[in-house]
PDB file of N, CA and C in Angstrom:
ATOM      1  N   MET A   1       4.388  37.170  30.193  1.00  0.00           N
ATOM      2  CA  MET A   1       3.080  36.810  29.765  1.00  0.00           C
ATOM      3  C   MET A   1       3.119  36.247  28.318  1.00  0.00           C
ATOM      4  N   GLU A   2       2.249  35.320  28.085  1.00  0.00           N
ATOM      5  CA  GLU A   2       2.203  34.767  26.721  1.00  0.00           C
ATOM      6  C   GLU A   2       1.385  35.647  25.808  1.00  0.00           C
ATOM      7  N   GLU A   3       1.808  35.680  24.559  1.00  0.00           N
ATOM      8  CA  GLU A   3       1.057  36.403  23.601  1.00  0.00           C
ATOM      9  C   GLU A   3      -0.088  35.551  23.106  1.00  0.00           C
ATOM     10  N   PRO A   4      -1.210  36.185  22.779  1.00  0.00           N
ATOM     11  CA  PRO A   4      -2.327  35.369  22.285  1.00  0.00           C
ATOM     12  C   PRO A   4      -1.974  34.725  20.962  1.00  0.00           C
ATOM     13  N   ALA A   5      -2.542  33.562  20.721  1.00  0.00           N
ATOM     14  CA  ALA A   5      -2.238  32.798  19.507  1.00  0.00           C
ATOM     15  C   ALA A   5      -2.784  33.529  18.310  1.00  0.00           C
ATOM     16  N   LYS A   6      -2.026  33.466  17.251  1.00  0.00           N
ATOM     17  CA  LYS A   6      -2.469  34.077  16.020  1.00  0.00           C
ATOM     18  C   LYS A   6      -3.650  33.273  15.448  1.00  0.00           C
ATOM     19  N   PRO A   7      -4.541  33.901  14.724  1.00  0.00           N
ATOM     20  CA  PRO A   7      -5.677  33.160  14.189  1.00  0.00           C
ATOM     21  C   PRO A   7      -5.281  31.997  13.267  1.00  0.00           C
ATOM     22  N   SER A   8      -4.215  32.191  12.536  1.00  0.00           N
ATOM     23  CA  SER A   8      -3.821  31.094  11.611  1.00  0.00           C
ATOM     24  C   SER A   8      -3.322  29.890  12.385  1.00  0.00           C
ATOM     25  N   GLN A   9      -2.615  30.114  13.520  1.00  0.00           N
ATOM     26  CA  GLN A   9      -2.142  28.996  14.335  1.00  0.00           C
ATOM     27  C   GLN A   9      -3.275  28.302  15.043  1.00  0.00           C
ATOM     28  N   ALA A  10      -4.243  29.033  15.543  1.00  0.00           N
ATOM     29  CA  ALA A  10      -5.393  28.404  16.205  1.00  0.00           C
ATOM     30  C   ALA A  10      -6.224  27.615  15.185  1.00  0.00           C
ATOM     31  N   ASN A  11      -6.331  28.141  14.000  1.00  0.00           N
ATOM     32  CA  ASN A  11      -7.122  27.473  12.933  1.00  0.00           C
ATOM     33  C   ASN A  11      -6.440  26.198  12.521  1.00  0.00           C
ATOM     34  N   SER A  12      -5.080  26.181  12.422  1.00  0.00           N
ATOM     35  CA  SER A  12      -4.422  24.977  11.957  1.00  0.00           C
ATOM     36  C   SER A  12      -4.515  23.868  13.002  1.00  0.00           C
ATOM     37  N   SER A  13      -4.456  24.214  14.318  1.00  0.00           N
ATOM     38  CA  SER A  13      -4.613  23.154  15.297  1.00  0.00           C
ATOM     39  C   SER A  13      -6.045  22.662  15.347  1.00  0.00           C
ATOM     40  N   SER A  14      -7.007  23.537  15.102  1.00  0.00           N
ATOM     41  CA  SER A  14      -8.404  23.112  14.998  1.00  0.00           C
ATOM     42  C   SER A  14      -8.615  22.176  13.831  1.00  0.00           C
ATOM     43  N   ASN A  15      -7.983  22.472  12.698  1.00  0.00           N
ATOM     44  CA  ASN A  15      -8.098  21.572  11.544  1.00  0.00           C
ATOM     45  C   ASN A  15      -7.459  20.234  11.843  1.00  0.00           C
ATOM     46  N   LEU A  16      -6.341  20.227  12.530  1.00  0.00           N
ATOM     47  CA  LEU A  16      -5.651  18.997  12.880  1.00  0.00           C
ATOM     48  C   LEU A  16      -6.568  18.115  13.760  1.00  0.00           C
ATOM     49  N   ILE A  17      -7.216  18.695  14.678  1.00  0.00           N
ATOM     50  CA  ILE A  17      -8.136  17.975  15.565  1.00  0.00           C
ATOM     51  C   ILE A  17      -9.290  17.412  14.760  1.00  0.00           C
ATOM     52  N   THR A  18      -9.837  18.242  13.853  1.00  0.00           N
ATOM     53  CA  THR A  18     -10.952  17.806  13.004  1.00  0.00           C
ATOM     54  C   THR A  18     -10.555  16.645  12.122  1.00  0.00           C
ATOM     55  N   TYR A  19      -9.391  16.697  11.549  1.00  0.00           N
ATOM     56  CA  TYR A  19      -8.885  15.610  10.668  1.00  0.00           C
ATOM     57  C   TYR A  19      -8.683  14.360  11.495  1.00  0.00           C
ATOM     58  N   GLY A  20      -8.119  14.519  12.709  1.00  0.00           N
ATOM     59  CA  GLY A  20      -7.885  13.327  13.555  1.00  0.00           C
ATOM     60  C   GLY A  20      -9.214  12.635  13.973  1.00  0.00           C
ATOM     61  N   ILE A  21     -10.215  13.450  14.354  1.00  0.00           N
ATOM     62  CA  ILE A  21     -11.475  12.870  14.720  1.00  0.00           C
ATOM     63  C   ILE A  21     -12.145  12.188  13.494  1.00  0.00           C
ATOM     64  N   SER A  22     -12.010  12.867  12.325  1.00  0.00           N
ATOM     65  CA  SER A  22     -12.617  12.263  11.087  1.00  0.00           C
ATOM     66  C   SER A  22     -11.930  10.912  10.726  1.00  0.00           C
ATOM     67  N   ILE A  23     -10.619  10.874  10.838  1.00  0.00           N
ATOM     68  CA  ILE A  23      -9.906   9.636  10.513  1.00  0.00           C
ATOM     69  C   ILE A  23     -10.308   8.516  11.508  1.00  0.00           C
ATOM     70  N   CYS A  24     -10.352   8.865  12.795  1.00  0.00           N
ATOM     71  CA  CYS A  24     -10.734   7.847  13.769  1.00  0.00           C
ATOM     72  C   CYS A  24     -12.185   7.376  13.557  1.00  0.00           C
ATOM     73  N   GLY A  25     -13.082   8.263  13.264  1.00  0.00           N
ATOM     74  CA  GLY A  25     -14.462   7.888  12.968  1.00  0.00           C
ATOM     75  C   GLY A  25     -14.570   6.999  11.744  1.00  0.00           C
ATOM     76  N   LEU A  26     -13.824   7.325  10.720  1.00  0.00           N
ATOM     77  CA  LEU A  26     -13.805   6.493   9.515  1.00  0.00           C
ATOM     78  C   LEU A  26     -13.250   5.116   9.804  1.00  0.00           C
ATOM     79  N   GLY A  27     -12.197   5.064  10.610  1.00  0.00           N
ATOM     80  CA  GLY A  27     -11.610   3.778  11.018  1.00  0.00           C
ATOM     81  C   GLY A  27     -12.610   2.976  11.792  1.00  0.00           C
ATOM     82  N   GLY A  28     -13.361   3.571  12.684  1.00  0.00           N
ATOM     83  CA  GLY A  28     -14.369   2.856  13.475  1.00  0.00           C
ATOM     84  C   GLY A  28     -15.467   2.278  12.561  1.00  0.00           C
ATOM     85  N   ILE A  29     -15.917   3.050  11.606  1.00  0.00           N
ATOM     86  CA  ILE A  29     -16.974   2.608  10.712  1.00  0.00           C
ATOM     87  C   ILE A  29     -16.450   1.453   9.842  1.00  0.00           C
ATOM     88  N   LEU A  30     -15.226   1.568   9.341  1.00  0.00           N
ATOM     89  CA  LEU A  30     -14.646   0.465   8.562  1.00  0.00           C
ATOM     90  C   LEU A  30     -14.507  -0.783   9.395  1.00  0.00           C
ATOM     91  N   TRP A  31     -14.072  -0.643  10.673  1.00  0.00           N
ATOM     92  CA  TRP A  31     -13.949  -1.808  11.515  1.00  0.00           C
ATOM     93  C   TRP A  31     -15.325  -2.440  11.741  1.00  0.00           C
ATOM     94  N   LEU A  32     -16.346  -1.671  11.931  1.00  0.00           N
ATOM     95  CA  LEU A  32     -17.685  -2.213  12.108  1.00  0.00           C
ATOM     96  C   LEU A  32     -18.143  -2.958  10.916  1.00  0.00           C
ATOM     97  N   PHE A  33     -17.886  -2.436   9.723  1.00  0.00           N
ATOM     98  CA  PHE A  33     -18.240  -3.153   8.482  1.00  0.00           C
ATOM     99  C   PHE A  33     -17.458  -4.465   8.362  1.00  0.00           C
ATOM    100  N   HIS A  34     -16.170  -4.439   8.728  1.00  0.00           N
ATOM    101  CA  HIS A  34     -15.340  -5.647   8.661  1.00  0.00           C
ATOM    102  C   HIS A  34     -15.870  -6.701   9.642  1.00  0.00           C
ATOM    103  N   MET A  35     -16.217  -6.315  10.841  1.00  0.00           N
ATOM    104  CA  MET A  35     -16.698  -7.244  11.861  1.00  0.00           C
ATOM    105  C   MET A  35     -18.067  -7.826  11.405  1.00  0.00           C
ATOM    106  N   THR A  36     -18.928  -6.994  10.815  1.00  0.00           N
ATOM    107  CA  THR A  36     -20.216  -7.472  10.333  1.00  0.00           C
ATOM    108  C   THR A  36     -20.023  -8.484   9.183  1.00  0.00           C
ATOM    109  N   TYR A  37     -19.129  -8.153   8.283  1.00  0.00           N
ATOM    110  CA  TYR A  37     -18.827  -9.044   7.160  1.00  0.00           C
ATOM    111  C   TYR A  37     -18.293 -10.380   7.682  1.00  0.00           C
ATOM    112  N   THR A  38     -17.401 -10.337   8.667  1.00  0.00           N
ATOM    113  CA  THR A  38     -16.845 -11.539   9.255  1.00  0.00           C
ATOM    114  C   THR A  38     -17.936 -12.333   9.931  1.00  0.00           C
ATOM    115  N   ALA A  39     -18.805 -11.663  10.655  1.00  0.00           N
ATOM    116  CA  ALA A  39     -19.904 -12.405  11.371  1.00  0.00           C
ATOM    117  C   ALA A  39     -20.832 -13.098  10.373  1.00  0.00           C
ATOM    118  N   ILE A  40     -21.169 -12.416   9.282  1.00  0.00           N
ATOM    119  CA  ILE A  40     -22.056 -13.014   8.283  1.00  0.00           C
ATOM    120  C   ILE A  40     -21.401 -14.235   7.623  1.00  0.00           C
ATOM    121  N   ASN A  41     -20.088 -14.085   7.352  1.00  0.00           N
ATOM    122  CA  ASN A  41     -19.373 -15.271   6.774  1.00  0.00           C
ATOM    123  C   ASN A  41     -19.310 -16.423   7.740  1.00  0.00           C
ATOM    124  N   MET A  42     -19.091 -16.137   9.031  1.00  0.00           N
ATOM    125  CA  MET A  42     -19.003 -17.223  10.018  1.00  0.00           C
ATOM    126  C   MET A  42     -20.332 -17.895  10.157  1.00  0.00           C
ATOM    127  N   VAL A  43     -21.441 -17.160  10.157  1.00  0.00           N
ATOM    128  CA  VAL A  43     -22.796 -17.760  10.271  1.00  0.00           C
ATOM    129  C   VAL A  43     -23.055 -18.588   9.036  1.00  0.00           C
ATOM    130  N   ILE A  44     -22.739 -18.106   7.883  1.00  0.00           N
ATOM    131  CA  ILE A  44     -22.947 -18.844   6.643  1.00  0.00           C
ATOM    132  C   ILE A  44     -22.143 -20.164   6.621  1.00  0.00           C
ATOM    133  N   ALA A  45     -20.945 -20.088   7.173  1.00  0.00           N
ATOM    134  CA  ALA A  45     -20.069 -21.278   7.231  1.00  0.00           C
ATOM    135  C   ALA A  45     -20.498 -22.266   8.304  1.00  0.00           C
ATOM    136  N   GLY A  46     -21.518 -21.903   9.121  1.00  0.00           N
ATOM    137  CA  GLY A  46     -21.999 -22.784  10.181  1.00  0.00           C
ATOM    138  C   GLY A  46     -21.213 -22.651  11.475  1.00  0.00           C
ATOM    139  N   LYS A  47     -20.438 -21.603  11.616  1.00  0.00           N
ATOM    140  CA  LYS A  47     -19.637 -21.409  12.843  1.00  0.00           C
ATOM    141  C   LYS A  47     -20.177 -20.203  13.703  1.00  0.00           C
ATOM    142  N   GLY A  48     -21.472 -19.985  13.616  1.00  0.00           N
ATOM    143  CA  GLY A  48     -22.057 -18.848  14.299  1.00  0.00           C
ATOM    144  C   GLY A  48     -22.022 -18.928  15.833  1.00  0.00           C
ATOM    145  N   LEU A  49     -21.957 -20.167  16.344  1.00  0.00           N
ATOM    146  CA  LEU A  49     -21.939 -20.302  17.793  1.00  0.00           C
ATOM    147  C   LEU A  49     -20.536 -20.382  18.411  1.00  0.00           C
ATOM    148  N   GLU A  50     -19.521 -20.297  17.517  1.00  0.00           N
ATOM    149  CA  GLU A  50     -18.163 -20.261  18.060  1.00  0.00           C
ATOM    150  C   GLU A  50     -17.959 -18.963  18.811  1.00  0.00           C
ATOM    151  N   THR A  51     -17.258 -19.060  19.926  1.00  0.00           N
ATOM    152  CA  THR A  51     -17.081 -17.866  20.722  1.00  0.00           C
ATOM    153  C   THR A  51     -15.715 -17.204  20.396  1.00  0.00           C
ATOM    154  N   TYR A  52     -15.710 -15.909  20.570  1.00  0.00           N
ATOM    155  CA  TYR A  52     -14.489 -15.143  20.481  1.00  0.00           C
ATOM    156  C   TYR A  52     -14.461 -14.226  21.650  1.00  0.00           C
ATOM    157  N   ARG A  53     -13.274 -13.701  21.947  1.00  0.00           N
ATOM    158  CA  ARG A  53     -13.139 -12.723  23.058  1.00  0.00           C
ATOM    159  C   ARG A  53     -13.045 -11.328  22.528  1.00  0.00           C
ATOM    160  N   THR A  54     -13.808 -10.458  23.187  1.00  0.00           N
ATOM    161  CA  THR A  54     -13.797  -9.040  22.844  1.00  0.00           C
ATOM    162  C   THR A  54     -12.505  -8.396  23.403  1.00  0.00           C
ATOM    163  N   PHE A  55     -12.386  -7.112  23.162  1.00  0.00           N
ATOM    164  CA  PHE A  55     -11.222  -6.375  23.697  1.00  0.00           C
ATOM    165  C   PHE A  55     -11.176  -6.459  25.188  1.00  0.00           C
ATOM    166  N   TRP A  56     -12.338  -6.525  25.833  1.00  0.00           N
ATOM    167  CA  TRP A  56     -12.397  -6.593  27.322  1.00  0.00           C
ATOM    168  C   TRP A  56     -12.403  -8.017  27.818  1.00  0.00           C
ATOM    169  N   LEU A  57     -12.086  -8.989  26.939  1.00  0.00           N
ATOM    170  CA  LEU A  57     -12.000 -10.418  27.271  1.00  0.00           C
ATOM    171  C   LEU A  57     -13.320 -11.023  27.690  1.00  0.00           C
ATOM    172  N   VAL A  58     -14.389 -10.509  27.115  1.00  0.00           N
ATOM    173  CA  VAL A  58     -15.731 -11.047  27.317  1.00  0.00           C
ATOM    174  C   VAL A  58     -16.000 -12.034  26.173  1.00  0.00           C
ATOM    175  N   GLN A  59     -16.494 -13.241  26.494  1.00  0.00           N
ATOM    176  CA  GLN A  59     -16.823 -14.192  25.436  1.00  0.00           C
ATOM    177  C   GLN A  59     -18.137 -13.770  24.755  1.00  0.00           C
ATOM    178  N   PHE A  60     -18.093 -13.844  23.414  1.00  0.00           N
ATOM    179  CA  PHE A  60     -19.277 -13.493  22.636  1.00  0.00           C
ATOM    180  C   PHE A  60     -19.311 -14.399  21.413  1.00  0.00           C
ATOM    181  N   ASN A  61     -20.496 -14.590  20.836  1.00  0.00           N
ATOM    182  CA  ASN A  61     -20.550 -15.380  19.596  1.00  0.00           C
ATOM    183  C   ASN A  61     -21.074 -14.520  18.432  1.00  0.00           C
ATOM    184  N   TRP A  62     -21.007 -15.059  17.249  1.00  0.00           N
ATOM    185  CA  TRP A  62     -21.326 -14.290  16.066  1.00  0.00           C
ATOM    186  C   TRP A  62     -22.798 -14.012  15.903  1.00  0.00           C
ATOM    187  N   TYR A  63     -23.677 -14.922  16.404  1.00  0.00           N
ATOM    188  CA  TYR A  63     -25.093 -14.664  16.385  1.00  0.00           C
ATOM    189  C   TYR A  63     -25.425 -13.474  17.322  1.00  0.00           C
ATOM    190  N   GLY A  64     -24.788 -13.450  18.458  1.00  0.00           N
ATOM    191  CA  GLY A  64     -25.001 -12.331  19.410  1.00  0.00           C
ATOM    192  C   GLY A  64     -24.523 -11.018  18.805  1.00  0.00           C
ATOM    193  N   PHE A  65     -23.402 -11.038  18.098  1.00  0.00           N
ATOM    194  CA  PHE A  65     -22.916  -9.826  17.465  1.00  0.00           C
ATOM    195  C   PHE A  65     -23.899  -9.321  16.418  1.00  0.00           C
ATOM    196  N   LEU A  66     -24.416 -10.233  15.586  1.00  0.00           N
ATOM    197  CA  LEU A  66     -25.383  -9.800  14.558  1.00  0.00           C
ATOM    198  C   LEU A  66     -26.680  -9.309  15.205  1.00  0.00           C
ATOM    199  N   ALA A  67     -27.098  -9.916  16.315  1.00  0.00           N
ATOM    200  CA  ALA A  67     -28.282  -9.446  17.032  1.00  0.00           C
ATOM    201  C   ALA A  67     -28.059  -8.031  17.555  1.00  0.00           C
ATOM    202  N   PHE A  68     -26.860  -7.775  18.054  1.00  0.00           N
ATOM    203  CA  PHE A  68     -26.500  -6.441  18.581  1.00  0.00           C
ATOM    204  C   PHE A  68     -26.525  -5.414  17.433  1.00  0.00           C
ATOM    205  N   ILE A  69     -26.006  -5.781  16.293  1.00  0.00           N
ATOM    206  CA  ILE A  69     -25.951  -4.851  15.130  1.00  0.00           C
ATOM    207  C   ILE A  69     -27.407  -4.556  14.683  1.00  0.00           C
ATOM    208  N   MET A  70     -28.243  -5.619  14.662  1.00  0.00           N
ATOM    209  CA  MET A  70     -29.644  -5.378  14.233  1.00  0.00           C
ATOM    210  C   MET A  70     -30.406  -4.492  15.272  1.00  0.00           C
ATOM    211  N   ALA A  71     -30.137  -4.714  16.561  1.00  0.00           N
ATOM    212  CA  ALA A  71     -30.771  -3.875  17.572  1.00  0.00           C
ATOM    213  C   ALA A  71     -30.344  -2.409  17.447  1.00  0.00           C
ATOM    214  N   CYS A  72     -29.056  -2.208  17.178  1.00  0.00           N
ATOM    215  CA  CYS A  72     -28.612  -0.815  16.986  1.00  0.00           C
ATOM    216  C   CYS A  72     -29.205  -0.198  15.747  1.00  0.00           C
ATOM    217  N   ALA A  73     -29.329  -0.968  14.651  1.00  0.00           N
ATOM    218  CA  ALA A  73     -29.923  -0.456  13.416  1.00  0.00           C
ATOM    219  C   ALA A  73     -31.377  -0.085  13.625  1.00  0.00           C
ATOM    220  N   ILE A  74     -32.091  -0.930  14.357  1.00  0.00           N
ATOM    221  CA  ILE A  74     -33.512  -0.665  14.631  1.00  0.00           C
ATOM    222  C   ILE A  74     -33.655   0.582  15.505  1.00  0.00           C
ATOM    223  N   ALA A  75     -32.779   0.730  16.528  1.00  0.00           N
ATOM    224  CA  ALA A  75     -32.830   1.895  17.393  1.00  0.00           C
ATOM    225  C   ALA A  75     -32.535   3.187  16.608  1.00  0.00           C
ATOM    226  N   ILE A  76     -31.556   3.131  15.707  1.00  0.00           N
ATOM    227  CA  ILE A  76     -31.232   4.309  14.889  1.00  0.00           C
ATOM    228  C   ILE A  76     -32.395   4.615  13.972  1.00  0.00           C
ATOM    229  N   ALA A  77     -33.017   3.626  13.380  1.00  0.00           N
ATOM    230  CA  ALA A  77     -34.180   3.866  12.487  1.00  0.00           C
ATOM    231  C   ALA A  77     -35.330   4.489  13.225  1.00  0.00           C
ATOM    232  N   ILE A  78     -35.583   4.029  14.482  1.00  0.00           N
ATOM    233  CA  ILE A  78     -36.680   4.622  15.237  1.00  0.00           C
ATOM    234  C   ILE A  78     -36.335   6.076  15.597  1.00  0.00           C
ATOM    235  N   CYS A  79     -35.081   6.344  15.944  1.00  0.00           N
ATOM    236  CA  CYS A  79     -34.671   7.741  16.263  1.00  0.00           C
ATOM    237  C   CYS A  79     -34.857   8.648  15.057  1.00  0.00           C
ATOM    238  N   ILE A  80     -34.474   8.144  13.857  1.00  0.00           N
ATOM    239  CA  ILE A  80     -34.615   8.972  12.671  1.00  0.00           C
ATOM    240  C   ILE A  80     -36.070   9.208  12.406  1.00  0.00           C
ATOM    241  N   TRP A  81     -36.936   8.193  12.543  1.00  0.00           N
ATOM    242  CA  TRP A  81     -38.363   8.358  12.338  1.00  0.00           C
ATOM    243  C   TRP A  81     -38.938   9.344  13.321  1.00  0.00           C
ATOM    244  N   LEU A  82     -38.555   9.296  14.588  1.00  0.00           N
ATOM    245  CA  LEU A  82     -39.106  10.241  15.571  1.00  0.00           C
ATOM    246  C   LEU A  82     -38.643  11.649  15.273  1.00  0.00           C
ATOM    247  N   ARG A  83     -37.413  11.842  14.789  1.00  0.00           N
ATOM    248  CA  ARG A  83     -36.927  13.164  14.449  1.00  0.00           C
ATOM    249  C   ARG A  83     -37.674  13.715  13.232  1.00  0.00           C
ATOM    250  N   TRP A  84     -37.934  12.822  12.233  1.00  0.00           N
ATOM    251  CA  TRP A  84     -38.692  13.242  11.081  1.00  0.00           C
ATOM    252  C   TRP A  84     -40.102  13.648  11.466  1.00  0.00           C
ATOM    253  N   HIS A  85     -40.756  12.834  12.336  1.00  0.00           N
ATOM    254  CA  HIS A  85     -42.097  13.145  12.791  1.00  0.00           C
ATOM    255  C   HIS A  85     -42.157  14.463  13.536  1.00  0.00           C
ATOM    256  N   GLU A  86     -41.175  14.731  14.403  1.00  0.00           N
ATOM    257  CA  GLU A  86     -41.128  16.020  15.108  1.00  0.00           C
ATOM    258  C   GLU A  86     -40.953  17.169  14.140  1.00  0.00           C
ATOM    259  N   HIS A  87     -40.111  16.979  13.098  1.00  0.00           N
ATOM    260  CA  HIS A  87     -39.919  18.010  12.118  1.00  0.00           C
ATOM    261  C   HIS A  87     -41.214  18.316  11.347  1.00  0.00           C
ATOM    262  N   ILE A  88     -41.944  17.282  11.007  1.00  0.00           N
ATOM    263  CA  ILE A  88     -43.231  17.516  10.314  1.00  0.00           C
ATOM    264  C   ILE A  88     -44.230  18.246  11.220  1.00  0.00           C
ATOM    265  N   GLN A  89     -44.281  17.879  12.477  1.00  0.00           N
ATOM    266  CA  GLN A  89     -45.160  18.561  13.435  1.00  0.00           C
ATOM    267  C   GLN A  89     -44.738  20.024  13.594  1.00  0.00           C
ATOM    268  N   TRP A  90     -43.487  20.272  13.679  1.00  0.00           N
ATOM    269  CA  TRP A  90     -42.976  21.644  13.857  1.00  0.00           C
ATOM    270  C   TRP A  90     -43.352  22.476  12.648  1.00  0.00           C
ATOM    271  N   LYS A  91     -43.176  21.952  11.421  1.00  0.00           N
ATOM    272  CA  LYS A  91     -43.542  22.646  10.208  1.00  0.00           C
ATOM    273  C   LYS A  91     -45.028  22.986  10.198  1.00  0.00           C
ATOM    274  N   SER A  92     -45.840  22.014  10.623  1.00  0.00           N
ATOM    275  CA  SER A  92     -47.274  22.188  10.621  1.00  0.00           C
ATOM    276  C   SER A  92     -47.662  23.312  11.628  1.00  0.00           C
ATOM    277  N   LEU A  93     -46.997  23.293  12.782  1.00  0.00           N
ATOM    278  CA  LEU A  93     -47.250  24.310  13.825  1.00  0.00           C
ATOM    279  C   LEU A  93     -46.882  25.710  13.286  1.00  0.00           C
ATOM    280  N   GLN A  94     -45.732  25.802  12.610  1.00  0.00           N
ATOM    281  CA  GLN A  94     -45.301  27.074  12.058  1.00  0.00           C
ATOM    282  C   GLN A  94     -46.207  27.537  10.948  1.00  0.00           C
ATOM    283  N   LYS A  95     -46.715  26.621  10.179  1.00  0.00           N
ATOM    284  CA  LYS A  95     -47.629  26.986   9.083  1.00  0.00           C
ATOM    285  C   LYS A  95     -48.958  27.494   9.645  1.00  0.00           C
ATOM    286  N   LYS A  96     -49.395  26.852  10.733  1.00  0.00           N
ATOM    287  CA  LYS A  96     -50.696  27.205  11.330  1.00  0.00           C
ATOM    288  C   LYS A  96     -50.626  28.542  12.062  1.00  0.00           C
ATOM    289  N   HIS A  97     -49.567  28.777  12.801  1.00  0.00           N
ATOM    290  CA  HIS A  97     -49.485  29.956  13.686  1.00  0.00           C
ATOM    291  C   HIS A  97     -48.447  30.961  13.217  1.00  0.00           C
ATOM    292  N   GLY A  98     -47.692  30.703  12.190  1.00  0.00           N
ATOM    293  CA  GLY A  98     -46.696  31.619  11.736  1.00  0.00           C
ATOM    294  C   GLY A  98     -45.460  31.557  12.585  1.00  0.00           C
ATOM    295  N   ARG A  99     -44.411  32.172  12.127  1.00  0.00           N
ATOM    296  CA  ARG A  99     -43.179  32.204  12.879  1.00  0.00           C
ATOM    297  C   ARG A  99     -43.248  33.308  13.924  1.00  0.00           C
ATOM    298  N   ARG A 100     -42.730  33.030  15.084  1.00  0.00           N
ATOM    299  CA  ARG A 100     -42.766  33.979  16.157  1.00  0.00           C
ATOM    300  C   ARG A 100     -41.393  34.668  16.224  1.00  0.00           C
ATOM    301  N   LYS A 101     -41.408  35.980  16.337  1.00  0.00           N
ATOM    302  CA  LYS A 101     -40.143  36.694  16.422  1.00  0.00           C
ATOM    303  C   LYS A 101     -39.650  36.626  17.853  1.00  0.00           C
ATOM    304  N   ARG A 102     -38.346  36.504  17.958  1.00  0.00           N
ATOM    305  CA  ARG A 102     -37.748  36.467  19.273  1.00  0.00           C
ATOM    306  C   ARG A 102     -37.681  37.894  19.869  1.00  0.00           C
ATOM    307  N   THR A 103     -37.954  38.020  21.141  1.00  0.00           N
ATOM    308  CA  THR A 103     -37.853  39.289  21.763  1.00  0.00           C
ATOM    309  C   THR A 103     -36.610  39.263  22.669  1.00  0.00           C
ATOM    310  N   PRO A 104     -35.806  40.316  22.648  1.00  0.00           N
ATOM    311  CA  PRO A 104     -34.632  40.346  23.502  1.00  0.00           C
ATOM    312  C   PRO A 104     -35.017  40.436  24.950  1.00  0.00           C
ATOM    313  N   ASN A 105     -34.246  39.754  25.825  1.00  0.00           N
ATOM    314  CA  ASN A 105     -34.535  39.788  27.251  1.00  0.00           C
ATOM    315  C   ASN A 105     -33.994  41.000  27.929  1.00  0.00           C
TER     316      ASN A 105
END
């Protein structure tokens, strides 16, 4: 039978996974900024309708990419606004009725 992992070993593998996910996320964000910068430069240079192939070999142009980025930014802004609005409503409800204590089942 295997012995259970020591807490220090489990913690170090968990840290390694966390660092790996963080580095991959940072790389993705940097790639997105690079692609957006490239798209803006291509549109300014008058080459916005030139097509390029994505990773999946789909033809796309720079105007379409910028439209996609704007749609994502608008969707994220709407989500943040809805979350803020829900938070304000929740605070108002707690202020009006007080906090309710949880009862054990």
